[in-house]
Amino acid sequence: VNPPKKDWGKARYSIPFFMHPVPKMPLNCLPESIDENNPKNFDDITAGEFLNKRLITLGLLKD
């Protein structure tokens, strides 16, 4: 997450968080957060599908 421009240059802390999600867990946008002013930007995907795509992007898994 990038800070607002006014906070650029201020010290920040990062805490890594590693996890193994349930592969079949849906990562869908909450229906109540989608409306005319806030359209859905991404297709539905499962945690396993997302992880595989990410690992391929990083070169850690072959396509």
C-alpha atoms as a PDB file:
ATOM      1  CA  VAL A   1       0.000   0.000   0.000  1.00  0.00           C
ATOM      2  CA  ASN A   2       1.435   3.322  -1.001  1.00  0.00           C
ATOM      3  CA  PRO A   3       1.046   6.205   1.445  1.00  0.00           C
ATOM      4  CA  PRO A   4      -0.509   9.523   0.449  1.00  0.00           C
ATOM      5  CA  LYS A   5       1.982  11.894  -1.206  1.00  0.00           C
ATOM      6  CA  LYS A   6       2.073  14.094   1.909  1.00  0.00           C
ATOM      7  CA  ASP A   7       3.487  11.117   3.858  1.00  0.00           C
ATOM      8  CA  TRP A   8       6.261  10.258   1.394  1.00  0.00           C
ATOM      9  CA  GLY A   9       9.602  10.332   3.167  1.00  0.00           C
ATOM     10  CA  LYS A  10       8.189   9.355   6.570  1.00  0.00           C
ATOM     11  CA  ALA A  11       9.444   6.145   8.171  1.00  0.00           C
ATOM     12  CA  ARG A  12       7.221   3.107   7.740  1.00  0.00           C
ATOM     13  CA  TYR A  13       7.249  -0.417   9.099  1.00  0.00           C
ATOM     14  CA  SER A  14       6.562  -3.550   7.088  1.00  0.00           C
ATOM     15  CA  ILE A  15       5.497  -6.828   8.632  1.00  0.00           C
ATOM     16  CA  PRO A  16       5.602  -9.872   6.339  1.00  0.00           C
ATOM     17  CA  PHE A  17       2.664 -12.212   6.622  1.00  0.00           C
ATOM     18  CA  PHE A  18       2.922 -15.691   5.150  1.00  0.00           C
ATOM     19  CA  MET A  19      -0.027 -18.030   4.856  1.00  0.00           C
ATOM     20  CA  HIS A  20      -1.378 -20.966   2.922  1.00  0.00           C
ATOM     21  CA  PRO A  21      -5.003 -20.287   2.022  1.00  0.00           C
ATOM     22  CA  VAL A  22      -7.615 -22.967   1.477  1.00  0.00           C
ATOM     23  CA  PRO A  23      -7.254 -23.604  -2.293  1.00  0.00           C
ATOM     24  CA  LYS A  24     -11.004 -23.679  -2.994  1.00  0.00           C
ATOM     25  CA  MET A  25     -11.712 -20.486  -1.013  1.00  0.00           C
ATOM     26  CA  PRO A  26     -13.428 -17.966  -3.316  1.00  0.00           C
ATOM     27  CA  LEU A  27     -11.832 -14.527  -3.534  1.00  0.00           C
ATOM     28  CA  ASN A  28     -14.875 -12.767  -4.919  1.00  0.00           C
ATOM     29  CA  CYS A  29     -15.803  -9.150  -4.541  1.00  0.00           C
ATOM     30  CA  LEU A  30     -18.554  -8.659  -1.973  1.00  0.00           C
ATOM     31  CA  PRO A  31     -21.818  -8.085  -3.861  1.00  0.00           C
ATOM     32  CA  GLU A  32     -22.763  -5.130  -1.659  1.00  0.00           C
ATOM     33  CA  SER A  33     -19.539  -3.345  -2.636  1.00  0.00           C
ATOM     34  CA  ILE A  34     -20.422  -3.335  -6.347  1.00  0.00           C
ATOM     35  CA  ASP A  35     -22.633  -0.606  -7.752  1.00  0.00           C
ATOM     36  CA  GLU A  36     -22.864   1.837 -10.637  1.00  0.00           C
ATOM     37  CA  ASN A  37     -20.087   4.020  -9.194  1.00  0.00           C
ATOM     38  CA  ASN A  38     -17.916   1.090  -8.062  1.00  0.00           C
ATOM     39  CA  PRO A  39     -17.976  -1.591 -10.758  1.00  0.00           C
ATOM     40  CA  LYS A  40     -16.446  -5.024 -10.343  1.00  0.00           C
ATOM     41  CA  ASN A  41     -12.848  -4.805 -11.643  1.00  0.00           C
ATOM     42  CA  PHE A  42     -11.734  -8.441 -11.439  1.00  0.00           C
ATOM     43  CA  ASP A  43     -13.165 -11.834 -12.328  1.00  0.00           C
ATOM     44  CA  ASP A  44     -13.977 -14.280  -9.544  1.00  0.00           C
ATOM     45  CA  ILE A  45     -11.060 -16.549  -8.624  1.00  0.00           C
ATOM     46  CA  THR A  46     -10.202 -19.069  -5.926  1.00  0.00           C
ATOM     47  CA  ALA A  47      -7.265 -18.715  -3.553  1.00  0.00           C
ATOM     48  CA  GLY A  48      -5.564 -21.674  -5.238  1.00  0.00           C
ATOM     49  CA  GLU A  49      -5.978 -20.192  -8.716  1.00  0.00           C
ATOM     50  CA  PHE A  50      -4.635 -16.849  -7.523  1.00  0.00           C
ATOM     51  CA  LEU A  51      -1.622 -18.472  -5.844  1.00  0.00           C
ATOM     52  CA  ASN A  52      -0.797 -20.481  -8.974  1.00  0.00           C
ATOM     53  CA  LYS A  53      -1.035 -17.390 -11.190  1.00  0.00           C
ATOM     54  CA  ARG A  54       1.168 -15.449  -8.788  1.00  0.00           C
ATOM     55  CA  LEU A  55       3.793 -18.199  -8.624  1.00  0.00           C
ATOM     56  CA  ILE A  56       3.852 -18.375 -12.438  1.00  0.00           C
ATOM     57  CA  THR A  57       4.248 -14.584 -12.638  1.00  0.00           C
ATOM     58  CA  LEU A  58       7.161 -14.735 -10.192  1.00  0.00           C
ATOM     59  CA  GLY A  59       8.789 -17.558 -12.169  1.00  0.00           C
ATOM     60  CA  LEU A  60       8.478 -20.003  -9.284  1.00  0.00           C
ATOM     61  CA  LEU A  61       6.068 -22.301 -11.136  1.00  0.00           C
ATOM     62  CA  LYS A  62       6.007 -23.285 -14.792  1.00  0.00           C
ATOM     63  CA  ASP A  63       2.880 -22.518 -16.788  1.00  0.00           C
END
